[in-house]
Amino acid sequence: MFGTLYESDHTKWMREMMAKNPEWAEDQKTGRAIWWDKQIDLDQQARYQQAKEANKSYPYDVNFDF
């Protein structure tokens, strides 16, 4: 009754492409390191937070003087 689990066409295609191009796995790791795996400097982040200016109460007020 519970033979095979459903697998989408996209998943099948990705498995096929990864089998044909095993070097993509390393490319994925490199891309992730560039875009997502970044070190956060907590001191610098705290300085950025302290340097922020407060938001204006209502920026679309017609009586607001610049």
C-alpha atoms as a PDB file:
ATOM      1  CA  MET A   1       0.000   0.000   0.000  1.00  0.00           C
ATOM      2  CA  PHE A   2       2.787   2.475   0.861  1.00  0.00           C
ATOM      3  CA  GLY A   3       5.210   1.498  -1.898  1.00  0.00           C
ATOM      4  CA  THR A   4       7.009   4.539  -3.247  1.00  0.00           C
ATOM      5  CA  LEU A   5       6.839   8.087  -2.022  1.00  0.00           C
ATOM      6  CA  TYR A   6       5.868  10.865  -4.399  1.00  0.00           C
ATOM      7  CA  GLU A   7       8.751  12.679  -6.037  1.00  0.00           C
ATOM      8  CA  SER A   8       8.087  15.797  -8.111  1.00  0.00           C
ATOM      9  CA  ASP A   9       9.298  16.210 -11.667  1.00  0.00           C
ATOM     10  CA  HIS A  10      11.575  18.998 -10.500  1.00  0.00           C
ATOM     11  CA  THR A  11      13.180  16.769  -7.846  1.00  0.00           C
ATOM     12  CA  LYS A  12      13.719  14.021 -10.413  1.00  0.00           C
ATOM     13  CA  TRP A  13      15.260  16.535 -12.799  1.00  0.00           C
ATOM     14  CA  MET A  14      17.560  17.906 -10.089  1.00  0.00           C
ATOM     15  CA  ARG A  15      18.715  14.396  -9.123  1.00  0.00           C
ATOM     16  CA  GLU A  16      19.403  13.620 -12.781  1.00  0.00           C
ATOM     17  CA  MET A  17      21.316  16.858 -13.332  1.00  0.00           C
ATOM     18  CA  MET A  18      23.370  16.399 -10.137  1.00  0.00           C
ATOM     19  CA  ALA A  19      24.247  12.872 -11.259  1.00  0.00           C
ATOM     20  CA  LYS A  20      25.382  14.200 -14.645  1.00  0.00           C
ATOM     21  CA  ASN A  21      27.260  17.162 -13.130  1.00  0.00           C
ATOM     22  CA  PRO A  22      28.796  16.146  -9.781  1.00  0.00           C
ATOM     23  CA  GLU A  23      30.971  19.276  -9.767  1.00  0.00           C
ATOM     24  CA  TRP A  24      27.834  21.330  -9.111  1.00  0.00           C
ATOM     25  CA  ALA A  25      27.890  20.208  -5.465  1.00  0.00           C
ATOM     26  CA  GLU A  26      31.188  22.049  -4.934  1.00  0.00           C
ATOM     27  CA  ASP A  27      29.891  25.059  -6.879  1.00  0.00           C
ATOM     28  CA  GLN A  28      26.866  25.146  -4.565  1.00  0.00           C
ATOM     29  CA  LYS A  29      29.125  25.177  -1.496  1.00  0.00           C
ATOM     30  CA  THR A  30      31.225  27.990  -2.985  1.00  0.00           C
ATOM     31  CA  GLY A  31      28.129  30.045  -3.806  1.00  0.00           C
ATOM     32  CA  ARG A  32      26.691  29.535  -0.357  1.00  0.00           C
ATOM     33  CA  ALA A  33      29.946  30.657   1.247  1.00  0.00           C
ATOM     34  CA  ILE A  34      29.894  33.854  -0.837  1.00  0.00           C
ATOM     35  CA  TRP A  35      26.284  34.816  -0.249  1.00  0.00           C
ATOM     36  CA  TRP A  36      25.135  33.257   3.030  1.00  0.00           C
ATOM     37  CA  ASP A  37      27.921  32.023   5.301  1.00  0.00           C
ATOM     38  CA  LYS A  38      29.234  35.376   6.472  1.00  0.00           C
ATOM     39  CA  GLN A  39      30.893  36.175   9.764  1.00  0.00           C
ATOM     40  CA  ILE A  40      29.080  38.851  11.754  1.00  0.00           C
ATOM     41  CA  ASP A  41      31.086  41.428  13.680  1.00  0.00           C
ATOM     42  CA  LEU A  42      28.817  42.073  16.668  1.00  0.00           C
ATOM     43  CA  ASP A  43      30.683  45.237  17.717  1.00  0.00           C
ATOM     44  CA  GLN A  44      30.312  46.734  14.261  1.00  0.00           C
ATOM     45  CA  GLN A  45      26.637  45.752  14.141  1.00  0.00           C
ATOM     46  CA  ALA A  46      26.065  47.466  17.509  1.00  0.00           C
ATOM     47  CA  ARG A  47      27.755  50.653  16.220  1.00  0.00           C
ATOM     48  CA  TYR A  48      25.478  50.638  13.164  1.00  0.00           C
ATOM     49  CA  GLN A  49      22.423  50.308  15.405  1.00  0.00           C
ATOM     50  CA  GLN A  50      23.560  53.208  17.599  1.00  0.00           C
ATOM     51  CA  ALA A  51      24.256  55.419  14.582  1.00  0.00           C
ATOM     52  CA  LYS A  52      20.785  55.032  13.100  1.00  0.00           C
ATOM     53  CA  GLU A  53      18.592  58.105  13.017  1.00  0.00           C
ATOM     54  CA  ALA A  54      15.091  57.885  14.393  1.00  0.00           C
ATOM     55  CA  ASN A  55      12.313  57.580  11.826  1.00  0.00           C
ATOM     56  CA  LYS A  56      10.161  60.612  11.200  1.00  0.00           C
ATOM     57  CA  SER A  57       6.726  60.288  12.752  1.00  0.00           C
ATOM     58  CA  TYR A  58       4.851  60.602   9.464  1.00  0.00           C
ATOM     59  CA  PRO A  59       6.974  61.309   6.375  1.00  0.00           C
ATOM     60  CA  TYR A  60       3.984  62.181   4.172  1.00  0.00           C
ATOM     61  CA  ASP A  61       2.730  65.061   6.330  1.00  0.00           C
ATOM     62  CA  VAL A  62       2.144  68.092   4.055  1.00  0.00           C
ATOM     63  CA  ASN A  63       2.854  70.486   6.926  1.00  0.00           C
ATOM     64  CA  PHE A  64       6.279  68.990   7.617  1.00  0.00           C
ATOM     65  CA  ASP A  65       9.159  71.476   7.139  1.00  0.00           C
ATOM     66  CA  PHE A  66      12.494  70.175   5.934  1.00  0.00           C
END
